[in-house]
Amino acid sequence: MTAYLKARQIRIFDYPRFAQPLREALRQNAERLAAEDDLEIMFIPKKNFRKEDRVKEILDKRGRASPLQHGAGPASGTGKTSHPRSRS
């Protein structure tokens, strides 16, 4: 990232200002997509957040008959699944 910024004559300390328009564009697109599908976006600022606990809370509140759409983590929405590696 430093090399990318340096090649464009952007100081690393200016990165937050450089990234602001990109962040806003991503946020607006996510909000638009969520609104189109009647989904709610939750921002959870805690570092000690456990997504399993939040999913359980949501399921307990609305019941398990409703489909759950909850993205948390880098692989969300990619359609990929992860499998534990076998230890040899």
Foldseek 3Di string as FASTA:
>chain_A
DCVVCVVVVHHPVCVVVVCVVVVVVVVVVVVVVCVVVVHDDDDDPDPPDDVVVVVVVVCVVPHDVDDDQDDDDDCRPVPDDDDDDDDD
